[in-house]
Amino acid sequence: MRKNKKSKENENIYDFFAESGLLKRVKRSGWWVVGIKDPESVADHCYRCAVIGYVLAKMEQADAHSVTMMCLFNDLHEARINDAHKVASTYLNYREAENKAFFYQIENLPKSISSEMADWRKQYIKQENLESIIARDADIFECLMQAKEYSDQGNTQAKLFFKKAPSFLKTKSAKKLWKDLRKWDSSHWWQKITEFER
């Protein structure tokens, strides 16, 4: 029995959801280089990147929806080509592979969805408008925050990310937040909640 058009469209959407879910199992490989045996997943990174992007967009008075969506879908391609750390990407044309994988991933989605996702992707790559710049800052800032957390947990090499990454931040808001992040205690948020239980 042949599937009707709507049934096929729904199947493509389910497939897309399932593939997106693979990011829960793809590890952020850059942390292996500094000895983190079980780093966060790409899905973990994308979620917090989207949260950071939303806040930065509000601070910069930009379109928070576009920024959040760029952050959320930025690493979708890693479900197909995995996460390559900077050492590996020195030898590979990773940007070309990212784009190829991403556009194949969205090609069978309904046109109203795929065209919007393609537009966010193109904006992010070009880095020509404020929203794309904020989304990139959110990506960098999330990595810096994760490095601070790993550092606070005892991995001294995680601080190596503090040397170069901050120089890539472009917005005033991200630079301002970075200024104090190094002094921030990553356990502070939960300690202040439980203070009343002394």
N, C-alpha and C. Protein backbone atom coordinates (compact mmCIF):
# COMPACT_ATOMS: atom_id res chain seq x y z
N MET A 1 0.84 -1.20 0.00
CA MET A 1 0.00 0.00 0.00
C MET A 1 0.88 1.25 0.00
N ARG A 2 0.61 2.16 -0.93
CA ARG A 2 1.40 3.38 -1.04
C ARG A 2 1.03 4.38 0.04
N LYS A 3 2.05 5.06 0.56
CA LYS A 3 1.80 6.07 1.58
C LYS A 3 1.29 7.34 0.93
N ASN A 4 0.35 7.98 1.61
CA ASN A 4 -0.11 9.26 1.08
C ASN A 4 0.93 10.34 1.41
N LYS A 5 0.77 11.50 0.80
CA LYS A 5 1.76 12.58 0.93
C LYS A 5 1.94 13.01 2.39
N LYS A 6 0.82 13.12 3.12
CA LYS A 6 0.89 13.57 4.51
C LYS A 6 1.61 12.55 5.38
N SER A 7 1.35 11.27 5.14
CA SER A 7 1.99 10.20 5.90
C SER A 7 3.50 10.22 5.67
N LYS A 8 3.91 10.43 4.41
CA LYS A 8 5.34 10.50 4.07
C LYS A 8 5.99 11.72 4.72
N GLU A 9 5.28 12.84 4.72
CA GLU A 9 5.79 14.07 5.34
C GLU A 9 5.99 13.85 6.83
N ASN A 10 5.04 13.22 7.47
CA ASN A 10 5.16 12.94 8.91
C ASN A 10 6.33 12.01 9.19
N GLU A 11 6.51 11.03 8.33
CA GLU A 11 7.63 10.09 8.49
C GLU A 11 8.97 10.83 8.42
N ASN A 12 9.07 11.79 7.50
CA ASN A 12 10.28 12.59 7.39
C ASN A 12 10.53 13.42 8.65
N ILE A 13 9.44 13.92 9.24
CA ILE A 13 9.56 14.69 10.48
C ILE A 13 10.01 13.79 11.62
N TYR A 14 9.43 12.59 11.72
CA TYR A 14 9.85 11.64 12.77
C TYR A 14 11.33 11.29 12.62
N ASP A 15 11.74 11.06 11.36
CA ASP A 15 13.14 10.74 11.11
C ASP A 15 14.05 11.88 11.56
N PHE A 16 13.62 13.10 11.30
CA PHE A 16 14.39 14.28 11.70
C PHE A 16 14.49 14.37 13.22
N PHE A 17 13.38 14.13 13.90
CA PHE A 17 13.40 14.13 15.37
C PHE A 17 14.36 13.07 15.91
N ALA A 18 14.29 11.88 15.32
CA ALA A 18 15.15 10.78 15.77
C ALA A 18 16.62 11.11 15.56
N GLU A 19 16.92 11.67 14.39
CA GLU A 19 18.32 12.04 14.11
C GLU A 19 18.79 13.13 15.06
N SER A 20 17.94 14.10 15.33
CA SER A 20 18.29 15.16 16.29
C SER A 20 18.60 14.56 17.66
N GLY A 21 17.86 13.53 18.02
CA GLY A 21 18.06 12.87 19.31
C GLY A 21 19.41 12.20 19.45
N LEU A 22 20.04 11.87 18.32
CA LEU A 22 21.37 11.27 18.37
C LEU A 22 22.38 12.20 19.03
N LEU A 23 22.13 13.50 18.95
CA LEU A 23 23.05 14.47 19.55
C LEU A 23 23.15 14.30 21.08
N LYS A 24 22.18 13.61 21.68
CA LYS A 24 22.26 13.33 23.12
C LYS A 24 23.39 12.35 23.43
N ARG A 25 23.82 11.60 22.38
CA ARG A 25 24.88 10.60 22.59
C ARG A 25 26.21 10.98 21.96
N VAL A 26 26.24 12.05 21.17
CA VAL A 26 27.49 12.51 20.56
C VAL A 26 28.22 13.40 21.56
N LYS A 27 29.43 13.03 21.91
CA LYS A 27 30.19 13.77 22.92
C LYS A 27 30.96 14.94 22.31
N ARG A 28 31.16 15.97 23.10
CA ARG A 28 31.95 17.13 22.68
C ARG A 28 33.43 16.74 22.76
N SER A 29 34.01 16.43 21.62
CA SER A 29 35.32 15.78 21.59
C SER A 29 36.50 16.67 21.98
N GLY A 30 36.34 17.97 21.92
CA GLY A 30 37.43 18.87 22.28
C GLY A 30 37.93 18.67 23.71
N TRP A 31 37.05 18.25 24.57
CA TRP A 31 37.42 18.05 25.98
C TRP A 31 38.27 16.81 26.19
N TRP A 32 38.22 15.85 25.27
CA TRP A 32 39.08 14.67 25.39
C TRP A 32 40.55 15.07 25.35
N VAL A 33 40.86 16.11 24.57
CA VAL A 33 42.24 16.57 24.42
C VAL A 33 42.83 17.00 25.77
N VAL A 34 41.99 17.56 26.65
CA VAL A 34 42.49 17.98 27.97
C VAL A 34 42.18 16.98 29.07
N GLY A 35 41.78 15.77 28.68
CA GLY A 35 41.63 14.70 29.65
C GLY A 35 40.27 14.52 30.29
N ILE A 36 39.23 15.17 29.75
CA ILE A 36 37.88 14.94 30.26
C ILE A 36 37.37 13.64 29.62
N LYS A 37 37.21 12.61 30.42
CA LYS A 37 36.86 11.29 29.88
C LYS A 37 35.41 11.20 29.42
N ASP A 38 34.52 11.87 30.11
CA ASP A 38 33.10 11.79 29.76
C ASP A 38 32.52 13.20 29.65
N PRO A 39 32.86 13.91 28.56
CA PRO A 39 32.37 15.29 28.42
C PRO A 39 30.88 15.35 28.13
N GLU A 40 30.35 16.53 28.17
CA GLU A 40 28.93 16.74 27.88
C GLU A 40 28.63 16.38 26.43
N SER A 41 27.38 16.15 26.14
CA SER A 41 26.97 15.82 24.77
C SER A 41 26.78 17.10 23.96
N VAL A 42 26.69 16.92 22.65
CA VAL A 42 26.42 18.05 21.76
C VAL A 42 25.04 18.64 22.08
N ALA A 43 24.08 17.77 22.42
CA ALA A 43 22.74 18.27 22.80
C ALA A 43 22.82 19.12 24.06
N ASP A 44 23.63 18.70 25.03
CA ASP A 44 23.82 19.50 26.25
C ASP A 44 24.34 20.89 25.88
N HIS A 45 25.35 20.90 25.03
CA HIS A 45 25.96 22.16 24.61
C HIS A 45 24.95 23.05 23.88
N CYS A 46 24.21 22.46 22.94
CA CYS A 46 23.25 23.25 22.14
C CYS A 46 22.16 23.86 23.01
N TYR A 47 21.69 23.08 23.98
CA TYR A 47 20.63 23.60 24.85
C TYR A 47 21.11 24.84 25.61
N ARG A 48 22.28 24.71 26.29
CA ARG A 48 22.73 25.87 27.07
C ARG A 48 23.17 27.01 26.17
N CYS A 49 23.70 26.69 25.01
CA CYS A 49 24.06 27.73 24.04
C CYS A 49 22.81 28.54 23.66
N ALA A 50 21.69 27.85 23.46
CA ALA A 50 20.44 28.54 23.12
C ALA A 50 19.97 29.44 24.27
N VAL A 51 20.11 28.97 25.50
CA VAL A 51 19.74 29.77 26.68
C VAL A 51 20.62 31.02 26.74
N ILE A 52 21.92 30.83 26.59
CA ILE A 52 22.86 31.96 26.61
C ILE A 52 22.56 32.91 25.46
N GLY A 53 22.31 32.36 24.28
CA GLY A 53 21.99 33.19 23.12
C GLY A 53 20.77 34.06 23.34
N TYR A 54 19.74 33.48 23.96
CA TYR A 54 18.53 34.24 24.25
C TYR A 54 18.84 35.43 25.16
N VAL A 55 19.60 35.17 26.23
CA VAL A 55 19.93 36.24 27.18
C VAL A 55 20.80 37.31 26.52
N LEU A 56 21.81 36.88 25.77
CA LEU A 56 22.67 37.85 25.08
C LEU A 56 21.86 38.69 24.09
N ALA A 57 20.93 38.06 23.39
CA ALA A 57 20.09 38.80 22.43
C ALA A 57 19.28 39.88 23.14
N LYS A 58 18.73 39.54 24.30
CA LYS A 58 17.97 40.53 25.08
C LYS A 58 18.88 41.66 25.54
N MET A 59 20.08 41.30 25.98
CA MET A 59 21.05 42.32 26.44
C MET A 59 21.46 43.25 25.30
N GLU A 60 21.54 42.68 24.09
CA GLU A 60 21.96 43.46 22.92
C GLU A 60 20.78 44.06 22.16
N GLN A 61 19.55 43.84 22.64
CA GLN A 61 18.33 44.32 22.01
C GLN A 61 18.22 43.85 20.56
N ALA A 62 18.45 42.55 20.39
CA ALA A 62 18.38 41.92 19.06
C ALA A 62 17.19 40.97 19.02
N ASP A 63 16.98 40.33 17.88
CA ASP A 63 15.88 39.38 17.70
C ASP A 63 16.23 38.07 18.42
N ALA A 64 15.68 37.91 19.60
CA ALA A 64 16.01 36.75 20.45
C ALA A 64 15.58 35.43 19.82
N HIS A 65 14.48 35.44 19.08
CA HIS A 65 14.01 34.20 18.45
C HIS A 65 15.03 33.68 17.43
N SER A 66 15.49 34.56 16.55
CA SER A 66 16.47 34.15 15.54
C SER A 66 17.77 33.67 16.18
N VAL A 67 18.23 34.39 17.18
CA VAL A 67 19.48 34.00 17.87
C VAL A 67 19.32 32.62 18.51
N THR A 68 18.22 32.42 19.23
CA THR A 68 17.99 31.15 19.91
C THR A 68 17.93 30.00 18.92
N MET A 69 17.26 30.20 17.80
CA MET A 69 17.16 29.14 16.79
C MET A 69 18.51 28.84 16.14
N MET A 70 19.30 29.87 15.88
CA MET A 70 20.64 29.64 15.33
C MET A 70 21.48 28.82 16.29
N CYS A 71 21.39 29.15 17.56
CA CYS A 71 22.14 28.41 18.59
C CYS A 71 21.67 26.97 18.69
N LEU A 72 20.37 26.79 18.68
CA LEU A 72 19.79 25.47 18.86
C LEU A 72 20.17 24.51 17.74
N PHE A 73 20.19 25.00 16.50
CA PHE A 73 20.45 24.13 15.34
C PHE A 73 21.88 24.18 14.82
N ASN A 74 22.74 24.97 15.45
CA ASN A 74 24.08 25.20 14.93
C ASN A 74 24.90 23.93 14.74
N ASP A 75 24.76 22.96 15.65
CA ASP A 75 25.58 21.74 15.57
C ASP A 75 24.77 20.51 15.15
N LEU A 76 23.64 20.73 14.53
CA LEU A 76 22.78 19.62 14.09
C LEU A 76 23.53 18.62 13.21
N HIS A 77 24.40 19.13 12.36
CA HIS A 77 25.17 18.30 11.43
C HIS A 77 26.01 17.24 12.14
N GLU A 78 26.32 17.46 13.42
CA GLU A 78 27.18 16.52 14.14
C GLU A 78 26.50 15.18 14.41
N ALA A 79 25.19 15.11 14.18
CA ALA A 79 24.50 13.82 14.24
C ALA A 79 24.98 12.92 13.11
N ARG A 80 25.45 13.52 12.02
CA ARG A 80 25.92 12.74 10.87
C ARG A 80 27.43 12.64 10.78
N ILE A 81 28.14 13.71 11.12
CA ILE A 81 29.60 13.70 10.92
C ILE A 81 30.38 13.76 12.21
N ASN A 82 29.68 13.69 13.34
CA ASN A 82 30.30 13.70 14.66
C ASN A 82 30.90 15.06 14.98
N ASP A 83 31.44 15.19 16.18
CA ASP A 83 32.07 16.44 16.62
C ASP A 83 33.57 16.29 16.44
N ALA A 84 34.17 17.15 15.64
CA ALA A 84 35.63 17.10 15.42
C ALA A 84 36.28 18.22 16.21
N HIS A 85 37.24 17.87 17.07
CA HIS A 85 37.93 18.91 17.84
C HIS A 85 38.90 19.68 16.93
N LYS A 86 39.46 20.74 17.45
CA LYS A 86 40.28 21.65 16.65
C LYS A 86 41.51 20.97 16.05
N VAL A 87 42.06 19.99 16.76
CA VAL A 87 43.22 19.27 16.22
C VAL A 87 42.81 18.54 14.94
N ALA A 88 41.68 17.82 14.99
CA ALA A 88 41.20 17.07 13.82
C ALA A 88 40.82 18.00 12.68
N SER A 89 40.14 19.10 13.01
CA SER A 89 39.66 19.98 11.94
C SER A 89 40.79 20.75 11.25
N THR A 90 42.01 20.67 11.80
CA THR A 90 43.17 21.25 11.13
C THR A 90 43.45 20.52 9.81
N TYR A 91 43.09 19.24 9.78
CA TYR A 91 43.40 18.40 8.62
C TYR A 91 42.20 18.15 7.71
N LEU A 92 41.04 18.63 8.10
CA LEU A 92 39.82 18.35 7.35
C LEU A 92 39.14 19.63 6.91
N ASN A 93 38.43 19.58 5.78
CA ASN A 93 37.61 20.71 5.37
C ASN A 93 36.26 20.54 6.08
N TYR A 94 36.27 20.83 7.37
CA TYR A 94 35.12 20.53 8.21
C TYR A 94 33.93 21.44 7.90
N ARG A 95 34.18 22.69 7.56
CA ARG A 95 33.08 23.63 7.26
C ARG A 95 32.26 23.13 6.07
N GLU A 96 32.93 22.64 5.05
CA GLU A 96 32.23 22.11 3.88
C GLU A 96 31.38 20.89 4.25
N ALA A 97 31.96 20.01 5.06
CA ALA A 97 31.24 18.80 5.49
C ALA A 97 30.04 19.16 6.37
N GLU A 98 30.20 20.15 7.25
CA GLU A 98 29.10 20.60 8.12
C GLU A 98 27.91 21.05 7.28
N ASN A 99 28.19 21.91 6.31
CA ASN A 99 27.11 22.46 5.49
C ASN A 99 26.44 21.38 4.64
N LYS A 100 27.24 20.50 4.07
CA LYS A 100 26.68 19.43 3.26
C LYS A 100 25.74 18.56 4.09
N ALA A 101 26.20 18.17 5.28
CA ALA A 101 25.38 17.33 6.17
C ALA A 101 24.10 18.07 6.58
N PHE A 102 24.24 19.33 6.99
CA PHE A 102 23.09 20.10 7.46
C PHE A 102 22.00 20.20 6.39
N PHE A 103 22.39 20.56 5.17
CA PHE A 103 21.38 20.76 4.13
C PHE A 103 20.74 19.45 3.68
N TYR A 104 21.46 18.36 3.78
CA TYR A 104 20.85 17.05 3.54
C TYR A 104 19.86 16.70 4.66
N GLN A 105 20.21 17.06 5.89
CA GLN A 105 19.34 16.75 7.03
C GLN A 105 17.97 17.41 6.92
N ILE A 106 17.93 18.61 6.39
CA ILE A 106 16.67 19.36 6.37
C ILE A 106 15.91 19.26 5.04
N GLU A 107 16.49 18.63 4.03
CA GLU A 107 15.90 18.68 2.69
C GLU A 107 14.52 18.03 2.58
N ASN A 108 14.20 17.05 3.44
CA ASN A 108 12.90 16.38 3.35
C ASN A 108 11.86 16.90 4.33
N LEU A 109 12.21 17.96 5.04
CA LEU A 109 11.24 18.60 5.94
C LEU A 109 10.27 19.46 5.12
N PRO A 110 9.11 19.78 5.66
CA PRO A 110 8.20 20.69 4.95
C PRO A 110 8.92 21.98 4.58
N LYS A 111 8.64 22.50 3.42
CA LYS A 111 9.35 23.66 2.87
C LYS A 111 9.35 24.85 3.83
N SER A 112 8.24 25.08 4.52
CA SER A 112 8.17 26.23 5.44
C SER A 112 9.18 26.10 6.58
N ILE A 113 9.51 24.87 6.94
CA ILE A 113 10.48 24.62 8.02
C ILE A 113 11.90 24.64 7.46
N SER A 114 12.13 23.89 6.40
CA SER A 114 13.49 23.78 5.85
C SER A 114 14.03 25.11 5.35
N SER A 115 13.17 25.94 4.76
CA SER A 115 13.65 27.23 4.24
C SER A 115 14.06 28.16 5.39
N GLU A 116 13.30 28.12 6.47
CA GLU A 116 13.64 28.95 7.63
C GLU A 116 14.95 28.48 8.27
N MET A 117 15.08 27.16 8.42
CA MET A 117 16.31 26.62 9.00
C MET A 117 17.52 26.91 8.12
N ALA A 118 17.33 26.81 6.81
CA ALA A 118 18.41 27.12 5.87
C ALA A 118 18.83 28.58 5.99
N ASP A 119 17.84 29.46 6.16
CA ASP A 119 18.13 30.89 6.31
C ASP A 119 18.93 31.16 7.57
N TRP A 120 18.55 30.54 8.69
CA TRP A 120 19.32 30.72 9.94
C TRP A 120 20.75 30.23 9.76
N ARG A 121 20.90 29.10 9.10
CA ARG A 121 22.23 28.52 8.88
C ARG A 121 23.10 29.47 8.05
N LYS A 122 22.53 30.00 6.97
CA LYS A 122 23.28 30.91 6.10
C LYS A 122 23.68 32.18 6.84
N GLN A 123 22.77 32.70 7.65
CA GLN A 123 23.08 33.89 8.44
C GLN A 123 24.24 33.61 9.39
N TYR A 124 24.17 32.47 10.07
CA TYR A 124 25.21 32.12 11.05
C TYR A 124 26.58 32.02 10.37
N ILE A 125 26.61 31.40 9.21
CA ILE A 125 27.88 31.21 8.50
C ILE A 125 28.46 32.55 8.03
N LYS A 126 27.59 33.42 7.50
CA LYS A 126 28.06 34.70 6.96
C LYS A 126 28.53 35.66 8.05
N GLN A 127 27.93 35.60 9.24
CA GLN A 127 28.31 36.49 10.35
C GLN A 127 28.24 37.97 9.95
N GLU A 128 27.16 38.34 9.27
CA GLU A 128 27.02 39.70 8.79
C GLU A 128 25.96 40.51 9.53
N ASN A 129 25.11 39.84 10.32
CA ASN A 129 24.12 40.61 11.08
C ASN A 129 24.31 40.38 12.58
N LEU A 130 23.71 41.23 13.37
CA LEU A 130 23.89 41.19 14.82
C LEU A 130 23.48 39.85 15.41
N GLU A 131 22.37 39.30 14.93
CA GLU A 131 21.86 38.04 15.48
C GLU A 131 22.85 36.90 15.28
N SER A 132 23.45 36.82 14.11
CA SER A 132 24.42 35.74 13.86
C SER A 132 25.68 35.92 14.71
N ILE A 133 26.08 37.15 14.92
CA ILE A 133 27.26 37.44 15.75
C ILE A 133 26.98 37.06 17.20
N ILE A 134 25.78 37.37 17.67
CA ILE A 134 25.39 36.99 19.04
C ILE A 134 25.36 35.47 19.18
N ALA A 135 24.81 34.79 18.19
CA ALA A 135 24.74 33.32 18.25
C ALA A 135 26.13 32.72 18.34
N ARG A 136 27.07 33.27 17.59
CA ARG A 136 28.46 32.79 17.64
C ARG A 136 29.08 33.08 19.01
N ASP A 137 28.80 34.27 19.54
CA ASP A 137 29.28 34.60 20.88
C ASP A 137 28.73 33.64 21.92
N ALA A 138 27.46 33.27 21.77
CA ALA A 138 26.84 32.33 22.71
C ALA A 138 27.54 30.98 22.66
N ASP A 139 27.89 30.54 21.47
CA ASP A 139 28.60 29.27 21.28
C ASP A 139 29.96 29.32 21.99
N ILE A 140 30.69 30.38 21.80
CA ILE A 140 32.00 30.54 22.42
C ILE A 140 31.85 30.66 23.94
N PHE A 141 30.88 31.46 24.38
CA PHE A 141 30.69 31.68 25.81
C PHE A 141 30.30 30.38 26.52
N GLU A 142 29.48 29.56 25.87
CA GLU A 142 29.09 28.29 26.48
C GLU A 142 30.32 27.41 26.69
N CYS A 143 31.23 27.41 25.73
CA CYS A 143 32.48 26.64 25.86
C CYS A 143 33.34 27.18 27.01
N LEU A 144 33.39 28.51 27.12
CA LEU A 144 34.15 29.11 28.22
C LEU A 144 33.55 28.76 29.58
N MET A 145 32.24 28.79 29.64
CA MET A 145 31.56 28.44 30.88
C MET A 145 31.81 26.98 31.25
N GLN A 146 31.75 26.11 30.24
CA GLN A 146 32.01 24.69 30.48
C GLN A 146 33.46 24.49 30.93
N ALA A 147 34.38 25.22 30.34
CA ALA A 147 35.79 25.14 30.75
C ALA A 147 35.95 25.56 32.20
N LYS A 148 35.22 26.60 32.59
CA LYS A 148 35.28 27.07 33.99
C LYS A 148 34.76 25.99 34.92
N GLU A 149 33.68 25.35 34.54
CA GLU A 149 33.11 24.28 35.38
C GLU A 149 34.06 23.10 35.50
N TYR A 150 34.65 22.68 34.38
CA TYR A 150 35.61 21.57 34.44
C TYR A 150 36.83 21.96 35.26
N SER A 151 37.25 23.21 35.13
CA SER A 151 38.38 23.72 35.92
C SER A 151 38.06 23.70 37.41
N ASP A 152 36.86 24.14 37.77
CA ASP A 152 36.44 24.15 39.18
C ASP A 152 36.34 22.73 39.74
N GLN A 153 36.13 21.75 38.84
CA GLN A 153 36.04 20.36 39.27
C GLN A 153 37.40 19.68 39.32
N GLY A 154 38.46 20.44 39.02
CA GLY A 154 39.81 19.92 39.19
C GLY A 154 40.62 19.70 37.94
N ASN A 155 40.04 19.92 36.75
CA ASN A 155 40.84 19.75 35.53
C ASN A 155 41.55 21.06 35.22
N THR A 156 42.82 21.13 35.56
CA THR A 156 43.58 22.37 35.41
C THR A 156 43.80 22.75 33.94
N GLN A 157 43.84 21.76 33.05
CA GLN A 157 44.08 22.07 31.64
C GLN A 157 42.87 22.70 30.95
N ALA A 158 41.70 22.55 31.53
CA ALA A 158 40.50 23.16 30.93
C ALA A 158 40.65 24.68 30.81
N LYS A 159 41.47 25.27 31.70
CA LYS A 159 41.68 26.72 31.66
C LYS A 159 42.43 27.17 30.41
N LEU A 160 43.04 26.23 29.70
CA LEU A 160 43.74 26.59 28.46
C LEU A 160 42.79 27.24 27.46
N PHE A 161 41.51 26.90 27.55
CA PHE A 161 40.51 27.50 26.66
C PHE A 161 40.35 29.00 26.92
N PHE A 162 40.77 29.45 28.11
CA PHE A 162 40.65 30.86 28.45
C PHE A 162 41.65 31.73 27.68
N LYS A 163 42.69 31.12 27.14
CA LYS A 163 43.75 31.90 26.49
C LYS A 163 43.32 32.52 25.17
N LYS A 164 42.69 31.72 24.32
CA LYS A 164 42.39 32.19 22.97
C LYS A 164 40.91 32.50 22.73
N ALA A 165 40.04 31.66 23.26
CA ALA A 165 38.61 31.78 22.97
C ALA A 165 38.02 33.16 23.26
N PRO A 166 38.35 33.80 24.40
CA PRO A 166 37.73 35.11 24.69
C PRO A 166 38.01 36.17 23.62
N SER A 167 39.13 36.06 22.92
CA SER A 167 39.46 37.06 21.90
C SER A 167 38.50 37.01 20.70
N PHE A 168 37.72 35.93 20.59
CA PHE A 168 36.77 35.80 19.49
C PHE A 168 35.40 36.39 19.83
N LEU A 169 35.16 36.74 21.08
CA LEU A 169 33.88 37.36 21.46
C LEU A 169 33.78 38.74 20.84
N LYS A 170 32.62 39.08 20.30
CA LYS A 170 32.46 40.36 19.59
C LYS A 170 31.49 41.33 20.23
N THR A 171 30.45 40.83 20.90
CA THR A 171 29.46 41.76 21.45
C THR A 171 29.90 42.30 22.81
N LYS A 172 29.44 43.50 23.11
CA LYS A 172 29.77 44.12 24.41
C LYS A 172 29.25 43.26 25.55
N SER A 173 28.06 42.71 25.37
CA SER A 173 27.44 41.92 26.45
C SER A 173 28.24 40.66 26.76
N ALA A 174 28.67 39.95 25.74
CA ALA A 174 29.46 38.73 25.96
C ALA A 174 30.80 39.06 26.59
N LYS A 175 31.43 40.13 26.13
CA LYS A 175 32.72 40.54 26.69
C LYS A 175 32.57 40.93 28.16
N LYS A 176 31.47 41.62 28.46
CA LYS A 176 31.21 42.04 29.84
C LYS A 176 31.00 40.83 30.75
N LEU A 177 30.22 39.85 30.28
CA LEU A 177 29.98 38.64 31.08
C LEU A 177 31.27 37.85 31.26
N TRP A 178 32.10 37.80 30.24
CA TRP A 178 33.36 37.06 30.32
C TRP A 178 34.30 37.68 31.37
N LYS A 179 34.24 38.98 31.49
CA LYS A 179 35.15 39.70 32.40
C LYS A 179 35.13 39.11 33.82
N ASP A 180 33.95 38.76 34.29
CA ASP A 180 33.83 38.25 35.66
C ASP A 180 33.73 36.73 35.74
N LEU A 181 33.59 36.05 34.62
CA LEU A 181 33.38 34.60 34.65
C LEU A 181 34.55 33.85 35.29
N ARG A 182 35.76 34.31 35.05
CA ARG A 182 36.94 33.61 35.60
C ARG A 182 36.94 33.60 37.13
N LYS A 183 36.36 34.65 37.73
CA LYS A 183 36.33 34.73 39.21
C LYS A 183 35.10 34.06 39.81
N TRP A 184 34.13 33.74 38.98
CA TRP A 184 32.87 33.15 39.43
C TRP A 184 33.08 31.71 39.89
N ASP A 185 32.38 31.32 40.94
CA ASP A 185 32.43 29.95 41.45
C ASP A 185 31.24 29.20 40.86
N SER A 186 31.52 28.17 40.07
CA SER A 186 30.45 27.48 39.36
C SER A 186 29.51 26.69 40.28
N SER A 187 29.87 26.54 41.54
CA SER A 187 28.96 25.87 42.49
C SER A 187 28.11 26.88 43.26
N HIS A 188 28.31 28.16 42.97
CA HIS A 188 27.62 29.21 43.72
C HIS A 188 26.10 29.11 43.64
N TRP A 189 25.57 28.79 42.44
CA TRP A 189 24.12 28.81 42.24
C TRP A 189 23.40 27.84 43.17
N TRP A 190 23.97 26.64 43.36
CA TRP A 190 23.27 25.67 44.21
C TRP A 190 23.61 25.86 45.69
N GLN A 191 24.78 26.42 45.99
CA GLN A 191 25.13 26.65 47.40
C GLN A 191 24.22 27.71 48.03
N LYS A 192 23.91 28.75 47.27
CA LYS A 192 23.06 29.81 47.85
C LYS A 192 21.63 29.32 48.06
N ILE A 193 21.19 28.36 47.25
CA ILE A 193 19.85 27.80 47.41
C ILE A 193 19.75 26.98 48.69
N THR A 194 20.81 26.25 49.01
CA THR A 194 20.78 25.33 50.15
C THR A 194 21.31 25.95 51.45
N GLU A 195 21.61 27.24 51.45
CA GLU A 195 22.14 27.89 52.65
C GLU A 195 21.20 27.77 53.85
N PHE A 196 19.90 27.81 53.60
CA PHE A 196 18.93 27.77 54.70
C PHE A 196 18.92 26.43 55.42
N GLU A 197 19.57 25.40 54.84
CA GLU A 197 19.54 24.08 55.44
C GLU A 197 20.70 23.82 56.42
N ARG A 198 21.44 24.85 56.79
CA ARG A 198 22.58 24.70 57.71
C ARG A 198 22.15 24.14 59.05
